[in-house]
Amino acid sequence: MKIINAQEFKEIINENVIVSFSTNWCGPCLMLAPTLESITEVPVYKVDADAEAELCLEYKIRTVPTIISFKEGKEYKRNTGNQPKNKILELLD
């Protein structure tokens, strides 16, 4: 899973992707990482919420992890917390 910055974020959301907003110190974020890495249906990216605070404000990220699916440059669905793979894949439906 590639860690992206705000500039890269603006470029990748034009595809169908999943983006996880998380931190390195968050327990649920660390537990979620292997699940996100197992997803092969669409590209999955990580945004470091500490490093990209302005992006978090723009997307109203109030808790980590927050997982958002994007389609054609727009937020499609979101979920928060450590989720099983099937719940994350529901963000694509």
C-alpha atoms as a PDB file:
ATOM      1  CA  MET A   1       0.000   0.000   0.000  1.00  0.00           C
ATOM      2  CA  LYS A   2       1.533   3.261  -1.096  1.00  0.00           C
ATOM      3  CA  ILE A   3       1.645   6.238   1.251  1.00  0.00           C
ATOM      4  CA  ILE A   4       0.673   9.379  -0.651  1.00  0.00           C
ATOM      5  CA  ASN A   5       0.834  13.104  -0.008  1.00  0.00           C
ATOM      6  CA  ALA A   6      -1.822  15.733  -0.761  1.00  0.00           C
ATOM      7  CA  GLN A   7      -0.567  16.343  -4.319  1.00  0.00           C
ATOM      8  CA  GLU A   8      -0.587  12.637  -5.185  1.00  0.00           C
ATOM      9  CA  PHE A   9      -4.017  12.329  -3.568  1.00  0.00           C
ATOM     10  CA  LYS A  10      -5.489  14.899  -5.961  1.00  0.00           C
ATOM     11  CA  GLU A  11      -4.164  12.839  -8.893  1.00  0.00           C
ATOM     12  CA  ILE A  12      -5.236   9.340  -7.801  1.00  0.00           C
ATOM     13  CA  ILE A  13      -8.827  10.123  -6.802  1.00  0.00           C
ATOM     14  CA  ASN A  14      -9.781  10.431 -10.458  1.00  0.00           C
ATOM     15  CA  GLU A  15      -9.557   6.631 -10.561  1.00  0.00           C
ATOM     16  CA  ASN A  16     -11.668   4.159  -8.621  1.00  0.00           C
ATOM     17  CA  VAL A  17      -9.591   3.822  -5.451  1.00  0.00           C
ATOM     18  CA  ILE A  18      -9.727   3.322  -1.702  1.00  0.00           C
ATOM     19  CA  VAL A  19      -7.853   5.757   0.537  1.00  0.00           C
ATOM     20  CA  SER A  20      -7.148   5.124   4.199  1.00  0.00           C
ATOM     21  CA  PHE A  21      -6.521   8.151   6.396  1.00  0.00           C
ATOM     22  CA  SER A  22      -4.481   6.862   9.318  1.00  0.00           C
ATOM     23  CA  THR A  23      -1.454   7.434  11.544  1.00  0.00           C
ATOM     24  CA  ASN A  24       1.545   5.381  12.615  1.00  0.00           C
ATOM     25  CA  TRP A  25       0.591   5.562  16.307  1.00  0.00           C
ATOM     26  CA  CYS A  26      -3.053   4.438  15.966  1.00  0.00           C
ATOM     27  CA  GLY A  27      -3.699   0.849  17.132  1.00  0.00           C
ATOM     28  CA  PRO A  28      -6.762   0.229  14.950  1.00  0.00           C
ATOM     29  CA  CYS A  29      -4.864   1.706  11.971  1.00  0.00           C
ATOM     30  CA  LEU A  30      -2.036  -0.780  12.495  1.00  0.00           C
ATOM     31  CA  MET A  31      -4.495  -3.677  12.788  1.00  0.00           C
ATOM     32  CA  LEU A  32      -6.269  -2.551   9.601  1.00  0.00           C
ATOM     33  CA  ALA A  33      -3.107  -2.348   7.466  1.00  0.00           C
ATOM     34  CA  PRO A  34      -2.851  -6.093   6.595  1.00  0.00           C
ATOM     35  CA  THR A  35      -6.514  -6.132   5.555  1.00  0.00           C
ATOM     36  CA  LEU A  36      -6.014  -3.141   3.263  1.00  0.00           C
ATOM     37  CA  GLU A  37      -2.890  -4.731   1.792  1.00  0.00           C
ATOM     38  CA  SER A  38      -4.907  -7.851   0.917  1.00  0.00           C
ATOM     39  CA  ILE A  39      -7.349  -5.892  -1.274  1.00  0.00           C
ATOM     40  CA  THR A  40      -6.639  -6.426  -4.967  1.00  0.00           C
ATOM     41  CA  GLU A  41      -9.945  -5.286  -6.474  1.00  0.00           C
ATOM     42  CA  VAL A  42      -8.875  -1.623  -6.664  1.00  0.00           C
ATOM     43  CA  PRO A  43      -5.738   0.346  -5.775  1.00  0.00           C
ATOM     44  CA  VAL A  44      -5.475   1.162  -2.060  1.00  0.00           C
ATOM     45  CA  TYR A  45      -3.526   4.166  -0.766  1.00  0.00           C
ATOM     46  CA  LYS A  46      -2.700   5.536   2.667  1.00  0.00           C
ATOM     47  CA  VAL A  47      -2.649   9.195   3.725  1.00  0.00           C
ATOM     48  CA  ASP A  48      -0.728  10.001   6.924  1.00  0.00           C
ATOM     49  CA  ALA A  49      -3.287  12.088   8.806  1.00  0.00           C
ATOM     50  CA  ASP A  50      -0.570  13.753  10.911  1.00  0.00           C
ATOM     51  CA  ALA A  51       1.434  14.865   7.874  1.00  0.00           C
ATOM     52  CA  GLU A  52      -1.578  15.922   5.781  1.00  0.00           C
ATOM     53  CA  ALA A  53      -3.686  17.862   8.291  1.00  0.00           C
ATOM     54  CA  GLU A  54      -5.099  20.270   5.683  1.00  0.00           C
ATOM     55  CA  LEU A  55      -6.312  17.397   3.531  1.00  0.00           C
ATOM     56  CA  CYS A  56      -7.945  15.875   6.607  1.00  0.00           C
ATOM     57  CA  LEU A  57      -9.725  19.141   7.304  1.00  0.00           C
ATOM     58  CA  GLU A  58     -10.909  19.353   3.705  1.00  0.00           C
ATOM     59  CA  TYR A  59     -12.400  15.840   3.865  1.00  0.00           C
ATOM     60  CA  LYS A  60     -13.671  16.229   7.449  1.00  0.00           C
ATOM     61  CA  ILE A  61     -11.575  13.390   8.838  1.00  0.00           C
ATOM     62  CA  ARG A  62     -12.368  13.384  12.554  1.00  0.00           C
ATOM     63  CA  THR A  63     -11.177   9.909  13.482  1.00  0.00           C
ATOM     64  CA  VAL A  64      -8.602   7.445  12.239  1.00  0.00           C
ATOM     65  CA  PRO A  65      -8.717   5.164  10.498  1.00  0.00           C
ATOM     66  CA  THR A  66     -11.193   6.605   8.034  1.00  0.00           C
ATOM     67  CA  ILE A  67     -11.513   4.689   4.778  1.00  0.00           C
ATOM     68  CA  ILE A  68     -12.984   6.452   1.746  1.00  0.00           C
ATOM     69  CA  SER A  69     -13.739   5.082  -1.696  1.00  0.00           C
ATOM     70  CA  PHE A  70     -13.470   7.510  -4.592  1.00  0.00           C
ATOM     71  CA  LYS A  71     -15.009   7.233  -8.044  1.00  0.00           C
ATOM     72  CA  GLU A  72     -14.287   9.695 -10.834  1.00  0.00           C
ATOM     73  CA  GLY A  73     -12.793  12.267  -8.501  1.00  0.00           C
ATOM     74  CA  LYS A  74     -15.607  12.263  -5.963  1.00  0.00           C
ATOM     75  CA  GLU A  75     -16.066  10.669  -2.587  1.00  0.00           C
ATOM     76  CA  TYR A  76     -18.351   7.687  -3.018  1.00  0.00           C
ATOM     77  CA  LYS A  77     -18.598   6.060   0.427  1.00  0.00           C
ATOM     78  CA  ARG A  78     -16.734   6.113   3.746  1.00  0.00           C
ATOM     79  CA  ASN A  79     -16.309   4.063   6.867  1.00  0.00           C
ATOM     80  CA  THR A  80     -14.354   4.500  10.087  1.00  0.00           C
ATOM     81  CA  GLY A  81     -12.509   2.140  12.377  1.00  0.00           C
ATOM     82  CA  ASN A  82     -10.936  -1.248  11.862  1.00  0.00           C
ATOM     83  CA  GLN A  83     -13.146  -3.111   9.378  1.00  0.00           C
ATOM     84  CA  PRO A  84     -13.107  -6.626   7.926  1.00  0.00           C
ATOM     85  CA  LYS A  85     -12.294  -6.944   4.239  1.00  0.00           C
ATOM     86  CA  ASN A  86     -15.909  -7.583   3.195  1.00  0.00           C
ATOM     87  CA  LYS A  87     -17.035  -4.302   4.841  1.00  0.00           C
ATOM     88  CA  ILE A  88     -14.281  -2.374   3.066  1.00  0.00           C
ATOM     89  CA  LEU A  89     -15.250  -3.915  -0.261  1.00  0.00           C
ATOM     90  CA  GLU A  90     -18.838  -2.756   0.319  1.00  0.00           C
ATOM     91  CA  LEU A  91     -17.476   0.780  -0.124  1.00  0.00           C
ATOM     92  CA  LEU A  92     -17.066  -0.072  -3.805  1.00  0.00           C
ATOM     93  CA  ASP A  93     -20.717  -1.100  -4.377  1.00  0.00           C
END
